[in-house]
Protein backbone atom coordinates (compact mmCIF):
# COMPACT_ATOMS: atom_id res chain seq x y z
CA UNK A 1 19.05 -52.76 -34.00
CA UNK A 2 22.25 -51.49 -35.60
CA UNK A 3 22.21 -49.67 -38.96
CA UNK A 4 25.32 -48.93 -40.99
CA UNK A 5 25.07 -45.56 -42.77
CA UNK A 6 27.62 -45.50 -45.61
CA UNK A 7 28.60 -42.17 -47.15
CA UNK A 8 30.23 -43.03 -50.50
CA UNK A 9 32.18 -39.75 -50.57
CA UNK A 10 35.08 -38.71 -48.33
CA UNK A 11 33.49 -35.64 -46.69
CA UNK A 12 33.18 -36.60 -43.03
CA UNK A 13 31.16 -33.51 -42.10
CA UNK A 14 28.45 -34.57 -44.55
CA UNK A 15 28.45 -38.07 -43.05
CA UNK A 16 27.78 -36.64 -39.61
CA UNK A 17 24.96 -34.41 -40.89
CA UNK A 18 23.30 -37.41 -42.48
CA UNK A 19 23.80 -39.44 -39.30
CA UNK A 20 22.05 -36.71 -37.28
CA UNK A 21 19.14 -36.80 -39.74
CA UNK A 22 19.02 -40.61 -39.52
CA UNK A 23 19.00 -40.58 -35.71
CA UNK A 24 16.19 -38.00 -35.67
CA UNK A 25 13.76 -40.50 -37.25
CA UNK A 26 15.18 -43.82 -36.01
CA UNK A 27 13.35 -45.77 -33.33
CA UNK A 28 14.79 -45.50 -29.79
CA UNK A 29 16.27 -48.99 -30.01
CA UNK A 30 18.17 -48.23 -33.24
CA UNK A 31 21.86 -47.37 -33.30
CA UNK A 32 23.18 -45.51 -36.35
CA UNK A 33 26.81 -46.29 -37.22
CA UNK A 34 28.11 -43.77 -39.80
CA UNK A 35 30.97 -44.71 -42.12
CA UNK A 36 32.78 -42.33 -44.49
CA UNK A 37 34.57 -43.57 -47.62
CA UNK A 38 38.28 -43.90 -46.86
CA UNK A 39 39.25 -43.15 -50.45
CA UNK A 40 37.57 -41.61 -53.47
CA UNK A 41 36.11 -38.16 -54.04
CA UNK A 42 34.85 -35.38 -51.77
CA UNK A 43 31.47 -35.30 -53.53
CA UNK A 44 29.61 -37.35 -56.12
CA UNK A 45 28.48 -35.26 -59.08
CA UNK A 46 28.56 -37.63 -62.07
CA UNK A 47 29.34 -41.04 -63.53
CA UNK A 48 33.05 -41.07 -62.68
CA UNK A 49 32.42 -40.03 -59.10
CA UNK A 50 29.70 -42.67 -58.73
CA UNK A 51 32.09 -45.38 -59.88
CA UNK A 52 34.56 -44.47 -57.14
CA UNK A 53 31.75 -44.20 -54.61
CA UNK A 54 30.45 -47.65 -55.53
CA UNK A 55 33.83 -49.18 -54.73
CA UNK A 56 33.83 -47.40 -51.37
CA UNK A 57 30.37 -48.78 -50.56
CA UNK A 58 31.39 -52.34 -51.39
CA UNK A 59 34.52 -51.98 -49.27
CA UNK A 60 32.56 -50.69 -46.27
CA UNK A 61 29.89 -53.41 -46.46
CA UNK A 62 32.46 -56.17 -46.79
CA UNK A 63 34.53 -54.80 -43.91
CA UNK A 64 31.60 -54.39 -41.51
CA UNK A 65 29.45 -57.38 -42.52
CA UNK A 66 28.22 -59.15 -39.41
CA UNK A 67 28.33 -55.94 -37.36
CA UNK A 68 25.01 -54.51 -38.57
CA UNK A 69 21.38 -55.55 -39.00
CA UNK A 70 20.83 -53.36 -42.05
CA UNK A 71 22.68 -50.80 -44.14
CA UNK A 72 21.97 -47.57 -46.00
CA UNK A 73 23.78 -46.27 -49.09
CA UNK A 74 23.64 -42.53 -48.41
CA UNK A 75 24.09 -41.06 -51.89
CA UNK A 76 21.13 -40.42 -54.16
CA UNK A 77 22.59 -42.30 -57.11
CA UNK A 78 22.69 -45.41 -54.87
CA UNK A 79 26.26 -46.23 -56.02
CA UNK A 80 27.28 -49.79 -55.26
CA UNK A 81 23.82 -50.77 -53.96
CA UNK A 82 23.55 -54.04 -55.88
CA UNK A 83 27.16 -54.98 -55.09
CA UNK A 84 26.43 -54.34 -51.42
CA UNK A 85 23.45 -56.68 -51.58
CA UNK A 86 25.73 -59.39 -52.96
CA UNK A 87 28.04 -59.02 -49.98
CA UNK A 88 25.58 -59.41 -47.10
CA UNK A 89 22.29 -61.08 -46.20
CA UNK A 90 21.26 -58.03 -44.17
CA UNK A 91 18.89 -55.67 -46.02
CA UNK A 92 20.66 -52.81 -47.79
CA UNK A 93 18.63 -49.79 -48.88
CA UNK A 94 19.63 -46.92 -51.15
CA UNK A 95 18.27 -43.47 -50.40
CA UNK A 96 17.03 -43.00 -53.98
CA UNK A 97 15.10 -46.26 -54.11
CA UNK A 98 13.61 -45.59 -50.67
CA UNK A 99 12.57 -42.09 -51.74
CA UNK A 100 10.86 -43.38 -54.88
CA UNK A 101 8.99 -46.04 -52.90
CA UNK A 102 7.67 -43.52 -50.38
CA UNK A 103 6.91 -40.88 -53.02
CA UNK A 104 4.75 -43.37 -54.89
CA UNK A 105 2.55 -43.79 -51.82
CA UNK A 106 2.03 -40.04 -51.34
CA UNK A 107 1.12 -38.82 -54.81
CA UNK A 108 0.69 -39.72 -58.46
CA UNK A 109 4.03 -38.42 -59.79
CA UNK A 110 7.24 -37.19 -58.18
CA UNK A 111 10.03 -34.91 -59.32
CA UNK A 112 13.66 -35.21 -58.26
CA UNK A 113 15.54 -32.00 -57.46
CA UNK A 114 19.27 -32.48 -57.78
CA UNK A 115 22.50 -30.50 -57.92
CA UNK A 116 24.34 -30.08 -61.23
CA UNK A 117 22.86 -30.66 -64.69
CA UNK A 118 25.49 -33.32 -65.33
CA UNK A 119 23.92 -35.35 -62.53
CA UNK A 120 20.56 -35.60 -64.31
CA UNK A 121 21.44 -38.44 -66.74
CA UNK A 122 22.78 -40.74 -63.98
CA UNK A 123 19.59 -40.19 -61.99
CA UNK A 124 17.49 -40.90 -65.07
CA UNK A 125 19.37 -44.21 -65.33
CA UNK A 126 18.51 -45.03 -61.70
CA UNK A 127 14.82 -44.19 -62.21
CA UNK A 128 14.75 -46.44 -65.28
CA UNK A 129 16.64 -49.27 -63.53
CA UNK A 130 14.15 -49.31 -60.66
CA UNK A 131 11.12 -49.17 -62.97
CA UNK A 132 9.81 -45.80 -61.76
CA UNK A 133 9.73 -43.97 -65.11
CA UNK A 134 5.90 -43.81 -65.21
CA UNK A 135 5.84 -42.18 -61.77
CA UNK A 136 8.73 -39.73 -62.30
CA UNK A 137 7.50 -36.38 -63.65
CA UNK A 138 10.96 -34.82 -64.05
CA UNK A 139 14.50 -34.45 -62.80
CA UNK A 140 15.54 -30.83 -62.37
CA UNK A 141 18.94 -29.39 -61.44
CA UNK A 142 19.59 -26.43 -59.13
CA UNK A 143 23.03 -25.67 -60.55
CA UNK A 144 24.66 -26.09 -57.14
CA UNK A 145 27.39 -28.63 -56.50
CA UNK A 146 26.90 -31.24 -53.78
CA UNK A 147 29.34 -29.42 -51.51
CA UNK A 148 27.64 -26.05 -52.10
CA UNK A 149 24.22 -27.50 -51.34
CA UNK A 150 25.59 -29.05 -48.15
CA UNK A 151 27.53 -25.99 -46.95
CA UNK A 152 24.94 -23.31 -47.79
CA UNK A 153 21.51 -24.58 -46.71
CA UNK A 154 19.69 -21.25 -47.15
CA UNK A 155 21.02 -20.85 -50.67
CA UNK A 156 20.15 -24.48 -51.36
CA UNK A 157 16.61 -24.01 -50.03
CA UNK A 158 16.06 -21.00 -52.29
CA UNK A 159 17.36 -22.85 -55.34
CA UNK A 160 15.31 -25.94 -54.54
CA UNK A 161 12.19 -23.84 -54.05
CA UNK A 162 12.66 -22.26 -57.46
CA UNK A 163 13.09 -25.51 -59.39
CA UNK A 164 10.50 -27.22 -57.22
CA UNK A 165 7.87 -24.66 -58.17
CA UNK A 166 8.71 -25.29 -61.83
CA UNK A 167 8.40 -29.07 -61.34
CA UNK A 168 4.98 -28.67 -59.72
CA UNK A 169 3.68 -26.09 -62.19
CA UNK A 170 5.11 -27.36 -65.48
CA UNK A 171 5.77 -31.06 -64.87
CA UNK A 172 2.67 -31.67 -62.69
CA UNK A 173 4.63 -33.26 -59.87
CA UNK A 174 2.74 -33.63 -56.60
CA UNK A 175 5.66 -35.00 -54.53
CA UNK A 176 9.26 -33.76 -54.42
CA UNK A 177 12.32 -35.94 -53.77
CA UNK A 178 15.49 -34.15 -52.69
CA UNK A 179 18.11 -35.76 -54.90
CA UNK A 180 21.22 -35.50 -52.73
CA UNK A 181 22.10 -37.09 -49.40
CA UNK A 182 23.50 -33.77 -48.19
CA UNK A 183 20.13 -32.02 -48.57
CA UNK A 184 19.09 -32.95 -45.05
CA UNK A 185 17.32 -30.49 -42.79
CA UNK A 186 15.46 -28.74 -45.61
CA UNK A 187 12.25 -30.74 -45.78
CA UNK A 188 10.02 -28.72 -43.48
CA UNK A 189 10.81 -25.31 -44.93
CA UNK A 190 10.42 -26.62 -48.49
CA UNK A 191 7.10 -28.30 -47.73
CA UNK A 192 5.86 -25.00 -46.33
CA UNK A 193 7.01 -23.10 -49.41
CA UNK A 194 5.94 -25.64 -52.03
CA UNK A 195 2.77 -27.03 -50.51
CA UNK A 196 3.48 -30.66 -51.44
CA UNK A 197 5.19 -33.58 -49.62
CA UNK A 198 8.99 -33.37 -49.71
CA UNK A 199 11.10 -36.48 -49.12
CA UNK A 200 14.65 -36.47 -47.79
CA UNK A 201 16.52 -39.60 -48.80
CA UNK A 202 18.30 -40.51 -45.57
CA UNK A 203 15.22 -40.45 -43.30
CA UNK A 204 13.28 -42.32 -45.99
CA UNK A 205 15.89 -45.07 -46.11
CA UNK A 206 15.94 -45.38 -42.31
CA UNK A 207 12.20 -46.01 -42.31
CA UNK A 208 12.38 -48.61 -45.07
CA UNK A 209 15.31 -50.58 -43.68
CA UNK A 210 13.83 -50.59 -40.16
CA UNK A 211 10.59 -52.02 -41.55
CA UNK A 212 12.45 -54.76 -43.43
CA UNK A 213 14.41 -55.79 -40.36
CA UNK A 214 11.37 -55.79 -38.06
CA UNK A 215 9.54 -57.96 -40.61
CA UNK A 216 12.42 -60.46 -40.51
CA UNK A 217 13.25 -59.97 -44.19
CA UNK A 218 16.73 -60.50 -45.60
CA UNK A 219 18.40 -60.15 -48.98
CA UNK A 220 17.68 -63.01 -51.38
CA UNK A 221 20.66 -65.11 -52.40
CA UNK A 222 18.82 -67.11 -55.05
CA UNK A 223 20.18 -65.35 -58.14
CA UNK A 224 21.67 -61.92 -58.80
CA UNK A 225 22.55 -61.12 -55.20
CA UNK A 226 24.31 -64.43 -54.49
CA UNK A 227 27.52 -64.09 -52.50
CA UNK A 228 30.41 -63.52 -54.96
CA UNK A 229 32.60 -66.53 -55.62
CA UNK A 230 36.25 -66.29 -54.51
CA UNK A 231 38.22 -64.48 -57.16
CA UNK A 232 41.80 -63.36 -57.66
CA UNK A 233 42.16 -59.68 -56.79
CA UNK A 234 45.13 -57.46 -57.54
CA UNK A 235 45.39 -54.25 -55.49
């Protein structure tokens, strides 16, 4: 089984960190193929960045279609996820949607811990789009940028612990979703500190997409995810 792991930002070091996390939970017969956006932004912190990341996701899926059995959009806003599903019959899973699905099996309500405050509204849009509003207790920001959270894991863990405690105490969350693809490698220490299940998006998505492939399930082409019709494109 071959899984394409698409990082919608241009930071190759983050791609490799996420690939390591993906390989740590993948079955022995699964190959993880990481892809970094060739153009766009170094990190995705808001609506503008997500737009550029979505284009990078669509480009990667179109370029590699036929070379993978399933794909993962490795940014917590799931930029370009629906466009990716238009472009291939292979299952494509976003790390946010996968996290919400797993969180809903582990507790009554989950909170998302993210980076900057400006990233909260886009995540609220994603929660609403996927229909998880009744299960989402809160979305709380650490104040760290994506690149800071990725480069300084101890600082990130401390900040996540602080806002996570608030989410559990004040928002009554009983599951925590780490709302950034770069927040890999923090789950165990945060679970120990917080005392509730903590979900990292990339490993969650690996589990979901593997299950879909093993069940023989593919993306529906009946309506919204039909292959796009040929269209004039100006570069």
